[in-house]
Amino acid sequence: MGTWVEIQIKGEWVRAQLTWCSPMATLFMFTSVGGAAHSMSRRTLDKLRASDHVRIVADRPVVDEALDHVARAALKNSIGKKA
C-alpha cells in the first residue's frame, strides 16, 4: 500500500499510487494523480510488469520518505547543538 508506480495507458505514462489490495493479493486498485481509479487483477499486473508497462517509482509513500529525512536532519541538528 502506498507504492507509487507509472502505468502506461494508451501510450501515455500515468503516475498512480497503490491504494487498495485484496486480502489474497489478487486484485489491485491504483489511484492516479488526477484522481482516476485503475483496477487490475494480479495476472494483468504481472503482464504489464513483464512488458515494462508498469514501473515502480517509490516503494514507500513519498510524504513518509520526506518526513523521515526531516526527522533525521532534526536529530542530527539537535545532537550537534549539545556537543
N, C-alpha and C. Protein backbone atom coordinates (compact mmCIF):
# COMPACT_ATOMS: atom_id res chain seq x y z
N MET A 1 0.83 -1.17 0.00
CA MET A 1 0.00 0.00 0.00
C MET A 1 0.89 1.24 0.00
N GLY A 2 0.48 2.23 -0.77
CA GLY A 2 1.23 3.48 -0.81
C GLY A 2 2.31 3.55 -1.86
N THR A 3 2.62 2.43 -2.50
CA THR A 3 3.65 2.41 -3.53
C THR A 3 3.23 3.24 -4.74
N TRP A 4 4.13 4.08 -5.23
CA TRP A 4 3.88 4.88 -6.42
C TRP A 4 4.42 4.16 -7.64
N VAL A 5 3.64 4.13 -8.70
CA VAL A 5 4.05 3.49 -9.95
C VAL A 5 3.73 4.41 -11.12
N GLU A 6 4.28 4.09 -12.25
CA GLU A 6 3.88 4.70 -13.51
C GLU A 6 3.33 3.57 -14.37
N ILE A 7 2.14 3.78 -14.90
CA ILE A 7 1.46 2.78 -15.72
C ILE A 7 1.28 3.37 -17.11
N GLN A 8 1.67 2.60 -18.12
CA GLN A 8 1.46 3.09 -19.48
C GLN A 8 0.05 2.73 -19.92
N ILE A 9 -0.76 3.77 -20.16
CA ILE A 9 -2.15 3.59 -20.56
C ILE A 9 -2.36 4.32 -21.89
N LYS A 10 -2.73 3.55 -22.91
CA LYS A 10 -2.95 4.11 -24.25
C LYS A 10 -1.76 4.94 -24.71
N GLY A 11 -0.54 4.41 -24.46
CA GLY A 11 0.68 5.05 -24.93
C GLY A 11 1.20 6.19 -24.07
N GLU A 12 0.49 6.53 -22.99
CA GLU A 12 0.92 7.62 -22.11
C GLU A 12 1.21 7.07 -20.72
N TRP A 13 2.25 7.60 -20.08
CA TRP A 13 2.60 7.19 -18.73
C TRP A 13 1.76 7.97 -17.73
N VAL A 14 1.12 7.24 -16.81
CA VAL A 14 0.27 7.83 -15.78
C VAL A 14 0.85 7.45 -14.43
N ARG A 15 1.07 8.45 -13.57
CA ARG A 15 1.58 8.17 -12.23
C ARG A 15 0.39 7.87 -11.32
N ALA A 16 0.50 6.78 -10.55
CA ALA A 16 -0.59 6.35 -9.68
C ALA A 16 -0.02 5.72 -8.41
N GLN A 17 -0.87 5.69 -7.40
CA GLN A 17 -0.48 5.10 -6.12
C GLN A 17 -1.35 3.90 -5.83
N LEU A 18 -0.74 2.84 -5.31
CA LEU A 18 -1.50 1.66 -4.89
C LEU A 18 -2.31 2.04 -3.66
N THR A 19 -3.63 2.03 -3.80
CA THR A 19 -4.49 2.47 -2.70
C THR A 19 -5.28 1.33 -2.06
N TRP A 20 -5.35 0.18 -2.71
CA TRP A 20 -6.07 -0.96 -2.15
C TRP A 20 -5.55 -2.24 -2.78
N CYS A 21 -5.53 -3.28 -1.98
CA CYS A 21 -5.14 -4.61 -2.44
C CYS A 21 -6.05 -5.62 -1.75
N SER A 22 -6.58 -6.59 -2.48
CA SER A 22 -7.44 -7.60 -1.87
C SER A 22 -6.63 -8.44 -0.89
N PRO A 23 -7.29 -9.07 0.07
CA PRO A 23 -6.58 -9.86 1.08
C PRO A 23 -5.67 -10.95 0.51
N MET A 24 -6.04 -11.52 -0.62
CA MET A 24 -5.22 -12.57 -1.23
C MET A 24 -4.29 -12.02 -2.31
N ALA A 25 -4.23 -10.70 -2.43
CA ALA A 25 -3.38 -10.02 -3.43
C ALA A 25 -3.68 -10.49 -4.85
N THR A 26 -4.98 -10.60 -5.13
CA THR A 26 -5.39 -10.99 -6.49
C THR A 26 -6.00 -9.82 -7.25
N LEU A 27 -6.40 -8.77 -6.54
CA LEU A 27 -6.94 -7.56 -7.17
C LEU A 27 -6.24 -6.34 -6.57
N PHE A 28 -6.00 -5.34 -7.43
CA PHE A 28 -5.29 -4.14 -7.01
C PHE A 28 -6.01 -2.91 -7.52
N MET A 29 -6.00 -1.85 -6.71
CA MET A 29 -6.59 -0.58 -7.11
C MET A 29 -5.51 0.49 -6.99
N PHE A 30 -5.30 1.20 -8.08
CA PHE A 30 -4.38 2.32 -8.13
C PHE A 30 -5.19 3.59 -8.36
N THR A 31 -4.77 4.69 -7.76
CA THR A 31 -5.41 5.97 -7.98
C THR A 31 -4.39 6.92 -8.58
N SER A 32 -4.71 7.46 -9.75
CA SER A 32 -3.77 8.34 -10.44
C SER A 32 -3.75 9.71 -9.79
N VAL A 33 -2.73 10.49 -10.13
CA VAL A 33 -2.58 11.83 -9.59
C VAL A 33 -3.83 12.67 -9.87
N GLY A 34 -4.46 12.46 -11.01
CA GLY A 34 -5.68 13.19 -11.36
C GLY A 34 -6.93 12.67 -10.66
N GLY A 35 -6.82 11.59 -9.90
CA GLY A 35 -7.95 11.05 -9.16
C GLY A 35 -8.66 9.88 -9.81
N ALA A 36 -8.24 9.49 -11.00
CA ALA A 36 -8.88 8.35 -11.69
C ALA A 36 -8.44 7.03 -11.04
N ALA A 37 -9.38 6.09 -10.95
CA ALA A 37 -9.09 4.77 -10.38
C ALA A 37 -8.74 3.80 -11.49
N HIS A 38 -7.76 2.95 -11.22
CA HIS A 38 -7.32 1.93 -12.17
C HIS A 38 -7.25 0.62 -11.41
N SER A 39 -8.15 -0.30 -11.70
CA SER A 39 -8.13 -1.59 -11.03
C SER A 39 -7.63 -2.66 -11.99
N MET A 40 -6.98 -3.66 -11.41
CA MET A 40 -6.49 -4.76 -12.25
C MET A 40 -6.26 -6.00 -11.41
N SER A 41 -6.30 -7.13 -12.10
CA SER A 41 -6.04 -8.41 -11.45
C SER A 41 -4.53 -8.61 -11.32
N ARG A 42 -4.16 -9.59 -10.52
CA ARG A 42 -2.74 -9.95 -10.38
C ARG A 42 -2.17 -10.35 -11.73
N ARG A 43 -2.95 -11.09 -12.51
CA ARG A 43 -2.49 -11.55 -13.83
C ARG A 43 -2.19 -10.37 -14.76
N THR A 44 -3.10 -9.39 -14.78
CA THR A 44 -2.89 -8.20 -15.62
C THR A 44 -1.67 -7.42 -15.14
N LEU A 45 -1.54 -7.25 -13.83
CA LEU A 45 -0.39 -6.53 -13.29
C LEU A 45 0.91 -7.24 -13.65
N ASP A 46 0.94 -8.56 -13.54
CA ASP A 46 2.13 -9.32 -13.91
C ASP A 46 2.47 -9.15 -15.39
N LYS A 47 1.45 -9.16 -16.25
CA LYS A 47 1.67 -8.97 -17.70
C LYS A 47 2.23 -7.58 -17.98
N LEU A 48 1.66 -6.56 -17.32
CA LEU A 48 2.14 -5.19 -17.53
C LEU A 48 3.59 -5.04 -17.06
N ARG A 49 3.92 -5.64 -15.95
CA ARG A 49 5.31 -5.56 -15.45
C ARG A 49 6.26 -6.29 -16.39
N ALA A 50 5.85 -7.45 -16.89
CA ALA A 50 6.71 -8.22 -17.79
C ALA A 50 6.96 -7.49 -19.10
N SER A 51 6.01 -6.67 -19.53
CA SER A 51 6.16 -5.94 -20.79
C SER A 51 6.64 -4.50 -20.57
N ASP A 52 7.10 -4.21 -19.35
CA ASP A 52 7.62 -2.87 -18.99
C ASP A 52 6.58 -1.77 -19.18
N HIS A 53 5.31 -2.08 -18.93
CA HIS A 53 4.26 -1.08 -18.99
C HIS A 53 3.87 -0.58 -17.60
N VAL A 54 4.53 -1.12 -16.58
CA VAL A 54 4.39 -0.63 -15.21
C VAL A 54 5.79 -0.56 -14.63
N ARG A 55 6.09 0.57 -13.99
CA ARG A 55 7.39 0.69 -13.31
C ARG A 55 7.18 1.34 -11.96
N ILE A 56 7.91 0.84 -10.99
CA ILE A 56 7.81 1.35 -9.63
C ILE A 56 8.58 2.66 -9.53
N VAL A 57 7.94 3.68 -8.99
CA VAL A 57 8.57 4.98 -8.80
C VAL A 57 9.12 5.07 -7.39
N ALA A 58 8.32 4.68 -6.40
CA ALA A 58 8.74 4.72 -5.00
C ALA A 58 8.03 3.62 -4.24
N ASP A 59 8.82 2.83 -3.50
CA ASP A 59 8.25 1.73 -2.73
C ASP A 59 7.48 2.20 -1.51
N ARG A 60 7.80 3.40 -1.06
CA ARG A 60 7.12 3.96 0.11
C ARG A 60 6.40 5.22 -0.30
N PRO A 61 5.39 5.59 0.47
CA PRO A 61 4.74 6.87 0.17
C PRO A 61 5.75 8.00 0.21
N VAL A 62 5.72 8.88 -0.75
CA VAL A 62 6.70 9.96 -0.88
C VAL A 62 6.70 10.85 0.35
N VAL A 63 5.53 11.15 0.91
CA VAL A 63 5.46 12.01 2.09
C VAL A 63 6.15 11.36 3.27
N ASP A 64 5.93 10.05 3.47
CA ASP A 64 6.60 9.34 4.57
C ASP A 64 8.11 9.44 4.42
N GLU A 65 8.60 9.24 3.21
CA GLU A 65 10.04 9.32 2.95
C GLU A 65 10.56 10.71 3.27
N ALA A 66 9.85 11.74 2.84
CA ALA A 66 10.27 13.12 3.11
C ALA A 66 10.28 13.40 4.61
N LEU A 67 9.26 12.95 5.32
CA LEU A 67 9.22 13.17 6.77
C LEU A 67 10.35 12.46 7.48
N ASP A 68 10.72 11.26 7.02
CA ASP A 68 11.87 10.56 7.60
C ASP A 68 13.14 11.37 7.43
N HIS A 69 13.34 11.97 6.26
CA HIS A 69 14.53 12.79 6.02
C HIS A 69 14.55 14.01 6.94
N VAL A 70 13.40 14.65 7.12
CA VAL A 70 13.31 15.81 8.00
C VAL A 70 13.61 15.41 9.44
N ALA A 71 13.06 14.29 9.88
CA ALA A 71 13.29 13.82 11.25
C ALA A 71 14.76 13.49 11.48
N ARG A 72 15.41 12.85 10.50
CA ARG A 72 16.83 12.53 10.64
C ARG A 72 17.68 13.81 10.71
N ALA A 73 17.34 14.78 9.87
CA ALA A 73 18.08 16.05 9.89
C ALA A 73 17.89 16.76 11.22
N ALA A 74 16.68 16.76 11.75
CA ALA A 74 16.42 17.41 13.04
C ALA A 74 17.19 16.72 14.15
N LEU A 75 17.26 15.39 14.12
CA LEU A 75 18.01 14.66 15.11
C LEU A 75 19.49 15.00 15.05
N LYS A 76 20.04 15.05 13.84
CA LYS A 76 21.45 15.42 13.68
C LYS A 76 21.70 16.81 14.20
N ASN A 77 20.82 17.75 13.91
CA ASN A 77 20.97 19.13 14.38
C ASN A 77 20.90 19.21 15.91
N SER A 78 19.98 18.46 16.51
CA SER A 78 19.85 18.53 17.96
C SER A 78 21.05 17.90 18.66
N ILE A 79 21.62 16.84 18.08
CA ILE A 79 22.81 16.22 18.65
C ILE A 79 24.01 17.14 18.49
N GLY A 80 24.10 17.79 17.35
CA GLY A 80 25.22 18.71 17.08
C GLY A 80 25.23 19.90 18.01
N LYS A 81 24.08 20.39 18.43
CA LYS A 81 23.99 21.55 19.32
C LYS A 81 24.38 21.20 20.75
N LYS A 82 24.22 19.94 21.15
CA LYS A 82 24.55 19.52 22.52
C LYS A 82 26.05 19.38 22.71
N ALA A 83 26.78 19.18 21.64
CA ALA A 83 28.23 18.92 21.75
C ALA A 83 29.01 20.18 22.04
